[in-house]
Amino acid sequence: MDNIKIGKNEATQDEVIEAAKHAQIHDFIAGLPDGYDTPVGENGVGLSGGQKQRISIARAFIKNAPIVVLDEITSNVDPVNEAKIQRAISTLAKDRTVLVIAHHLRTIRGADQIIVFNGGRIGEKGTHDELLNNCGLYHTLWTAQEQAKGWK
C-alpha cells in the first residue's frame, strides 16, 4: 500500500486499489500473503522487473500528473509483463501527455507521435504507419526487431 502511495501520500485504500487495477498489478498484489500490506524488500527485492514497473505505473495513476515520462519501461521484462505494461500505458495515456523512451518499438507502436533520434538529432517523426511507409530508420529498426522475434 505504502509503496504505491509514494505517488500521493494521502491516497485512500480505494484509490490505491483502483490505481493498481489500472496498472495491471492488482491481481498480483491481492494474491500476496498479506495483500496490499505485504512487505516488499528494499528496491523491490523479490519482485520481477515487470512487477516493479507496474507498481511504478500505479504510482503515476495515483499522482495523476498531467505529464508522465517513462524510460525504457519494457526493457528486461517477459512477454506477459510487457503486454500488461502496454495495456497499463494505454490507459495511463488517456487525458495526459506521456513521453515514452523506448528501444522496444512495440511499446510505442500506438503512440500519437513517434520521434526517432539518430546521432542525437531528430531523424524522423510521425505515427507508426507513417514511419513504416517512409522506409527510413524506424522502418529498418522495426523490421529488424520483428525478424529477431522469429529467431528466438
Protein backbone atom coordinates (compact mmCIF):
# COMPACT_ATOMS: atom_id res chain seq x y z
CA MET A 1 0.00 0.00 0.00
CA ASP A 2 2.68 2.48 1.07
CA ASN A 3 4.79 1.68 -1.96
CA ILE A 4 2.05 2.87 -4.33
CA LYS A 5 1.12 5.78 -2.05
CA ILE A 6 4.53 7.31 -2.79
CA GLY A 7 2.68 8.97 -5.66
CA LYS A 8 0.16 10.56 -3.27
CA ASN A 9 0.63 10.06 0.47
CA GLU A 10 -2.97 10.94 1.35
CA ALA A 11 -4.46 8.43 -1.11
CA THR A 12 -7.23 6.23 0.24
CA GLN A 13 -7.13 2.45 0.08
CA ASP A 14 -9.78 2.53 -2.65
CA GLU A 15 -7.68 4.96 -4.72
CA VAL A 16 -4.62 2.73 -4.36
CA ILE A 17 -6.57 -0.36 -5.41
CA GLU A 18 -8.06 1.47 -8.39
CA ALA A 19 -4.58 2.67 -9.45
CA ALA A 20 -3.24 -0.88 -9.11
CA LYS A 21 -6.08 -2.21 -11.26
CA HIS A 22 -5.32 0.37 -13.97
CA ALA A 23 -1.62 -0.56 -13.75
CA GLN A 24 -2.43 -4.26 -14.23
CA ILE A 25 -0.83 -5.19 -10.86
CA HIS A 26 -3.87 -5.59 -8.58
CA ASP A 27 -4.32 -9.34 -9.09
CA PHE A 28 -0.68 -9.99 -8.24
CA ILE A 29 -0.84 -7.84 -5.09
CA ALA A 30 -4.16 -9.36 -3.99
CA GLY A 31 -2.56 -12.82 -4.26
CA LEU A 32 0.31 -11.95 -1.90
CA PRO A 33 0.18 -13.42 1.64
CA ASP A 34 -0.87 -10.09 3.20
CA GLY A 35 -2.24 -8.46 0.06
CA TYR A 36 -1.52 -4.74 -0.03
CA ASP A 37 0.13 -4.96 3.40
CA THR A 38 2.78 -7.49 2.31
CA PRO A 39 6.26 -6.07 3.00
CA VAL A 40 8.49 -5.66 -0.05
CA GLY A 41 12.26 -5.72 0.30
CA GLU A 42 14.46 -2.74 -0.34
CA ASN A 43 14.49 -1.79 -4.03
CA GLY A 44 11.68 -4.29 -4.65
CA VAL A 45 13.69 -7.39 -3.80
CA GLY A 46 11.55 -10.40 -4.69
CA LEU A 47 9.59 -8.61 -7.40
CA SER A 48 10.20 -9.15 -11.11
CA GLY A 49 11.20 -6.23 -13.30
CA GLY A 50 7.71 -6.14 -14.80
CA GLN A 51 6.05 -6.12 -11.39
CA LYS A 52 8.27 -3.22 -10.29
CA GLN A 53 7.38 -1.33 -13.48
CA ARG A 54 3.65 -1.87 -12.95
CA ILE A 55 3.91 -0.62 -9.36
CA SER A 56 5.63 2.49 -10.74
CA ILE A 57 2.77 2.92 -13.20
CA ALA A 58 0.29 2.60 -10.29
CA ARG A 59 2.17 5.47 -8.60
CA ALA A 60 1.74 7.54 -11.76
CA PHE A 61 -2.02 6.85 -11.74
CA ILE A 62 -2.23 7.87 -8.07
CA LYS A 63 -0.26 11.06 -8.68
CA ASN A 64 -2.43 11.95 -11.68
CA ALA A 65 0.28 14.18 -13.14
CA PRO A 66 -0.57 15.81 -16.48
CA ILE A 67 2.83 14.77 -17.90
CA VAL A 68 4.47 11.38 -17.32
CA VAL A 69 7.93 10.29 -18.53
CA LEU A 70 8.54 6.55 -18.90
CA ASP A 71 12.11 5.50 -19.66
CA GLU A 72 12.64 2.00 -21.07
CA ILE A 73 9.61 0.70 -19.20
CA THR A 74 9.50 -2.62 -21.08
CA SER A 75 13.21 -3.42 -21.14
CA ASN A 76 14.14 -6.68 -19.45
CA VAL A 77 10.58 -7.89 -18.91
CA ASP A 78 8.96 -11.11 -20.05
CA PRO A 79 6.24 -11.07 -22.75
CA VAL A 80 3.39 -11.43 -20.21
CA ASN A 81 4.55 -8.42 -18.20
CA GLU A 82 5.27 -6.49 -21.39
CA ALA A 83 1.67 -6.96 -22.56
CA LYS A 84 0.32 -5.87 -19.15
CA ILE A 85 2.61 -2.84 -19.13
CA GLN A 86 1.49 -1.86 -22.62
CA ARG A 87 -2.20 -2.09 -21.58
CA ALA A 88 -1.43 -0.01 -18.48
CA ILE A 89 0.40 2.62 -20.53
CA SER A 90 -2.55 2.84 -22.94
CA THR A 91 -4.86 3.56 -20.00
CA LEU A 92 -2.36 5.96 -18.40
CA ALA A 93 -2.05 7.96 -21.63
CA LYS A 94 -5.72 8.94 -21.66
CA ASP A 95 -6.12 12.67 -20.94
CA ARG A 96 -2.41 13.27 -20.29
CA THR A 97 0.88 13.61 -22.09
CA VAL A 98 3.10 10.55 -21.83
CA LEU A 99 6.67 10.63 -23.10
CA VAL A 100 7.97 7.11 -23.62
CA ILE A 101 11.65 6.47 -24.24
CA ALA A 102 11.95 3.01 -25.76
CA HIS A 103 14.16 0.77 -27.80
CA HIS A 104 11.44 -1.89 -27.97
CA LEU A 105 9.33 -0.33 -30.69
CA ARG A 106 6.22 -2.39 -29.87
CA THR A 107 5.98 -0.27 -26.70
CA ILE A 108 5.36 2.88 -28.74
CA ARG A 109 3.51 1.43 -31.72
CA GLY A 110 0.20 3.09 -30.77
CA ALA A 111 1.67 6.50 -29.92
CA ASP A 112 0.12 9.62 -31.44
CA GLN A 113 3.58 10.86 -32.39
CA ILE A 114 6.86 8.94 -32.57
CA ILE A 115 10.12 10.84 -32.72
CA VAL A 116 13.16 8.87 -33.88
CA PHE A 117 16.54 10.17 -32.79
CA ASN A 118 19.63 9.42 -34.83
CA GLY A 119 23.01 10.63 -33.62
CA GLY A 120 21.39 12.91 -31.06
CA ARG A 121 19.18 14.64 -33.63
CA ILE A 122 15.61 14.13 -34.75
CA GLY A 123 15.79 11.84 -37.75
CA GLU A 124 12.10 11.17 -38.33
CA LYS A 125 8.73 11.79 -36.76
CA GLY A 126 5.21 10.58 -37.38
CA THR A 127 2.85 7.77 -36.49
CA HIS A 128 3.89 4.13 -36.61
CA ASP A 129 2.24 3.62 -40.02
CA GLU A 130 3.70 6.82 -41.45
CA LEU A 131 7.19 5.90 -40.31
CA LEU A 132 6.90 2.38 -41.70
CA ASN A 133 5.76 3.79 -45.05
CA ASN A 134 8.72 6.23 -45.12
CA CYS A 135 11.12 3.26 -45.22
CA GLY A 136 13.68 5.15 -43.12
CA LEU A 137 15.48 4.32 -39.87
CA TYR A 138 12.28 3.46 -37.97
CA HIS A 139 11.27 1.02 -40.70
CA THR A 140 14.73 -0.59 -40.57
CA LEU A 141 14.62 -0.90 -36.76
CA TRP A 142 11.05 -2.21 -36.75
CA THR A 143 11.86 -4.84 -39.39
CA ALA A 144 14.98 -5.93 -37.50
CA GLN A 145 13.05 -6.31 -34.23
CA GLU A 146 10.26 -8.24 -35.88
CA GLN A 147 12.74 -10.59 -37.55
CA ALA A 148 14.64 -11.05 -34.27
CA LYS A 149 11.42 -12.23 -32.59
CA GLY A 150 11.27 -15.12 -35.04
CA TRP A 151 14.82 -16.23 -34.20
CA LYS A 152 14.15 -16.83 -30.52
